Amino acid sequence: MNSVAAIGANYCAVEPTTLVMEEREKAFFTLSTSRATFNIKDARSGQIVFLIEGKGGSLQGKKIMLDGDGNEIAVFAEKLKLLSIHFAVPRGDEKLMTITNKMAFMKYKMVAEIKNLCIDGRAMRIKAVGDWRNKTFVISEEGGGILATISRKSLMKLTYYLEINPGVDSAMIVLLALAFDELEQEE
């Protein structure tokens, strides 16, 4: 399998990696109904790798992704379109990734279109197919190998486990998990 990166090749896992994406506690009173405030930690070390913050005052569902040092690395924006929800990850005038959901009976399917930064910006499609009841997703190259899996195992607190294969952009997988969470909220 070739390396796959949409956000940054520097975020590619060098070995099989497990990230834990855990909802942070919210203040008692908040104007946002979004749960998109997460700490993303390396399961082995417990170190915070990424943070997801809701963008204050935004009615368009924008979230900011930060690295573990608090530097902004991506913006995640929800765009409602007829019969589906689209998510975009822009950087300046270009889109690093677009995600489109396609709901089928008891299954989710999302398709992400990216420019693979590891292969001269070649356009490629990534699909995420998930089971609604079991809260699991398998992410793979369209017509290719498995890149990662996402599962939700906690009932009380929103916690996702991201199993990422070597050579895969972990920031990109976190954003796909965020899209999964946003779809869950729409139900």
Protein backbone atom coordinates (compact mmCIF):
# COMPACT_ATOMS: atom_id res chain seq x y z
CA MET A 1 0.00 0.00 0.00
CA ASN A 2 1.25 3.49 -0.86
CA SER A 3 1.34 6.26 1.70
CA VAL A 4 -1.82 8.39 1.78
CA ALA A 5 -1.95 11.96 3.12
CA ALA A 6 -4.46 14.78 2.65
CA ILE A 7 -3.59 17.12 5.56
CA GLY A 8 0.16 16.56 5.84
CA ALA A 9 2.66 13.80 5.08
CA ASN A 10 4.27 14.63 8.45
CA TYR A 11 1.14 13.22 10.14
CA CYS A 12 1.57 9.78 8.56
CA ALA A 13 1.83 6.95 11.05
CA VAL A 14 5.22 5.19 10.93
CA GLU A 15 3.87 2.07 12.62
CA PRO A 16 0.38 0.74 13.41
CA THR A 17 -1.08 3.45 15.63
CA THR A 18 -4.12 3.68 17.88
CA LEU A 19 -5.53 7.10 18.65
CA VAL A 20 -8.27 7.68 21.23
CA MET A 21 -10.64 10.51 20.30
CA GLU A 22 -12.46 11.48 23.47
CA GLU A 23 -15.13 14.11 23.98
CA ARG A 24 -14.10 16.83 26.41
CA GLU A 25 -16.43 18.00 29.15
CA LYS A 26 -18.51 21.02 28.16
CA ALA A 27 -19.50 23.93 30.30
CA PHE A 28 -22.99 23.55 31.76
CA PHE A 29 -24.38 26.34 29.57
CA THR A 30 -23.22 26.51 25.98
CA LEU A 31 -24.81 27.93 22.84
CA SER A 32 -23.41 25.15 20.69
CA THR A 33 -25.23 21.84 20.31
CA SER A 34 -22.15 20.35 18.68
CA ARG A 35 -20.16 17.77 20.58
CA ALA A 36 -17.17 18.53 18.39
CA THR A 37 -14.76 19.30 21.20
CA PHE A 38 -12.31 16.43 21.44
CA ASN A 39 -8.89 15.49 22.73
CA ILE A 40 -7.13 13.00 20.48
CA LYS A 41 -4.44 11.04 22.32
CA ASP A 42 -1.92 8.39 21.39
CA ALA A 43 -3.25 5.25 23.11
CA ARG A 44 0.24 4.04 24.02
CA SER A 45 1.76 7.22 25.46
CA GLY A 46 -1.37 9.11 26.51
CA GLN A 47 0.07 12.22 24.84
CA ILE A 48 -2.36 14.64 23.16
CA VAL A 49 -1.71 14.52 19.42
CA PHE A 50 -4.62 16.64 18.13
CA LEU A 51 -7.46 18.79 19.49
CA ILE A 52 -10.82 19.58 17.86
CA GLU A 53 -12.42 22.88 18.86
CA GLY A 54 -15.84 24.22 17.85
CA LYS A 55 -15.43 27.62 16.24
CA GLY A 56 -17.21 30.16 18.43
CA GLY A 57 -20.13 32.03 16.89
CA SER A 58 -20.25 29.81 13.82
CA LEU A 59 -23.64 28.73 12.56
CA GLN A 60 -22.08 26.79 9.69
CA GLY A 61 -20.68 23.97 11.80
CA LYS A 62 -17.00 24.94 11.55
CA LYS A 63 -14.45 23.16 13.71
CA ILE A 64 -10.74 23.85 14.09
CA MET A 65 -8.20 21.03 14.25
CA LEU A 66 -5.06 21.79 16.23
CA ASP A 67 -1.89 19.79 16.68
CA GLY A 68 -0.76 18.81 20.19
CA ASP A 69 1.07 22.15 20.53
CA GLY A 70 -2.07 24.18 19.76
CA ASN A 71 -1.17 25.11 16.15
CA GLU A 72 -4.06 25.19 13.69
CA ILE A 73 -3.66 22.55 10.99
CA ALA A 74 -7.13 22.29 9.45
CA VAL A 75 -10.63 23.75 9.40
CA PHE A 76 -13.59 21.36 9.12
CA ALA A 77 -16.79 22.86 7.68
CA GLU A 78 -20.22 21.28 7.25
CA LYS A 79 -22.15 22.14 4.11
CA LEU A 80 -25.77 21.04 3.80
CA LYS A 81 -26.78 20.04 0.29
CA LEU A 82 -29.94 18.53 -1.07
CA LEU A 83 -30.40 15.00 0.36
CA SER A 84 -26.90 14.77 1.77
CA ILE A 85 -24.36 16.41 4.01
CA HIS A 86 -20.97 17.45 2.73
CA PHE A 87 -17.91 18.33 4.75
CA ALA A 88 -14.95 20.30 3.45
CA VAL A 89 -11.44 20.83 4.74
CA PRO A 90 -10.16 24.01 3.09
CA ARG A 91 -6.70 25.54 3.30
CA GLY A 92 -6.65 28.94 1.69
CA ASP A 93 -8.36 28.70 -1.69
CA GLU A 94 -7.90 24.97 -2.11
CA LYS A 95 -9.79 22.06 -0.55
CA LEU A 96 -7.56 19.47 1.07
CA MET A 97 -10.45 17.05 1.42
CA THR A 98 -14.18 16.88 0.75
CA ILE A 99 -16.37 14.27 2.41
CA THR A 100 -19.82 13.28 1.19
CA ASN A 101 -22.15 10.99 3.11
CA LYS A 102 -24.42 8.40 1.55
CA MET A 103 -26.84 6.72 3.93
CA ALA A 104 -28.07 3.23 3.16
CA PHE A 105 -30.29 1.01 5.29
CA MET A 106 -28.48 0.57 8.65
CA LYS A 107 -25.13 1.49 7.02
CA TYR A 108 -23.18 4.66 6.48
CA LYS A 109 -20.97 5.29 3.53
CA MET A 110 -18.77 8.33 3.21
CA VAL A 111 -16.55 9.14 0.27
CA ALA A 112 -13.61 11.48 0.75
CA GLU A 113 -11.92 13.05 -2.23
CA ILE A 114 -8.35 14.11 -1.58
CA LYS A 115 -5.17 15.12 -3.33
CA ASN A 116 -2.62 12.63 -2.06
CA LEU A 117 0.32 14.71 -0.84
CA CYS A 118 2.51 11.60 -0.87
CA ILE A 119 2.06 11.04 -4.62
CA ASP A 120 2.46 14.47 -6.27
CA GLY A 121 -1.04 15.61 -5.27
CA ARG A 122 -2.73 12.83 -7.28
CA ALA A 123 -6.52 12.88 -6.87
CA MET A 124 -7.90 9.84 -5.10
CA ARG A 125 -11.06 8.65 -3.41
CA ILE A 126 -11.25 7.13 0.03
CA LYS A 127 -14.35 5.34 1.23
CA ALA A 128 -15.54 4.79 4.75
CA VAL A 129 -18.24 2.17 5.18
CA GLY A 130 -19.79 1.71 8.58
CA ASP A 131 -22.36 -0.21 10.53
CA TRP A 132 -24.92 2.06 12.19
CA ARG A 133 -25.68 -0.31 15.07
CA ASN A 134 -22.14 -1.39 15.89
CA LYS A 135 -20.69 2.12 15.40
CA THR A 136 -17.72 0.91 13.37
CA PHE A 137 -16.17 2.12 10.12
CA VAL A 138 -13.60 0.64 7.77
CA ILE A 139 -11.68 3.23 5.78
CA SER A 140 -10.00 2.15 2.56
CA GLU A 141 -8.69 3.41 -0.73
CA GLU A 142 -11.35 3.02 -3.37
CA GLY A 143 -10.38 -0.28 -4.98
CA GLY A 144 -7.44 -0.66 -2.58
CA GLY A 145 -6.34 -1.68 0.87
CA ILE A 146 -7.60 -0.78 4.33
CA LEU A 147 -6.17 2.46 5.73
CA ALA A 148 -7.81 2.51 9.16
CA THR A 149 -10.78 1.47 11.27
CA ILE A 150 -12.87 3.65 13.56
CA SER A 151 -14.98 2.25 16.37
CA ARG A 152 -17.00 3.67 19.23
CA LYS A 153 -16.98 1.59 22.39
CA SER A 154 -18.08 3.90 25.19
CA LEU A 155 -21.73 4.45 26.03
CA MET A 156 -21.41 7.19 28.65
CA LYS A 157 -18.79 9.44 27.10
CA LEU A 158 -18.19 9.77 23.39
CA THR A 159 -14.96 7.92 22.71
CA TYR A 160 -13.72 6.72 19.33
CA TYR A 161 -10.79 4.37 18.74
CA LEU A 162 -8.86 4.96 15.53
CA GLU A 163 -6.63 2.09 14.38
CA ILE A 164 -4.36 3.59 11.71
CA ASN A 165 -2.06 1.64 9.40
CA PRO A 166 1.52 2.77 8.69
CA GLY A 167 1.87 5.39 5.95
CA VAL A 168 -1.60 6.87 6.57
CA ASP A 169 -2.22 10.51 7.52
CA SER A 170 -3.58 10.32 11.07
CA ALA A 171 -5.00 13.88 10.87
CA MET A 172 -7.07 12.82 7.85
CA ILE A 173 -8.45 9.81 9.75
CA VAL A 174 -9.35 12.03 12.74
CA LEU A 175 -11.33 14.30 10.38
CA LEU A 176 -13.19 11.27 8.97
CA ALA A 177 -14.04 10.26 12.56
CA LEU A 178 -15.28 13.81 13.16
CA ALA A 179 -17.53 13.51 10.07
CA PHE A 180 -18.87 10.23 11.49
CA ASP A 181 -19.62 12.00 14.79
CA GLU A 182 -21.37 14.87 12.99
CA LEU A 183 -23.56 12.38 11.09
CA GLU A 184 -24.46 10.72 14.40
CA GLN A 185 -25.68 14.10 15.68
CA GLU A 186 -27.92 14.57 12.65
CA GLU A 187 -29.97 11.49 13.58
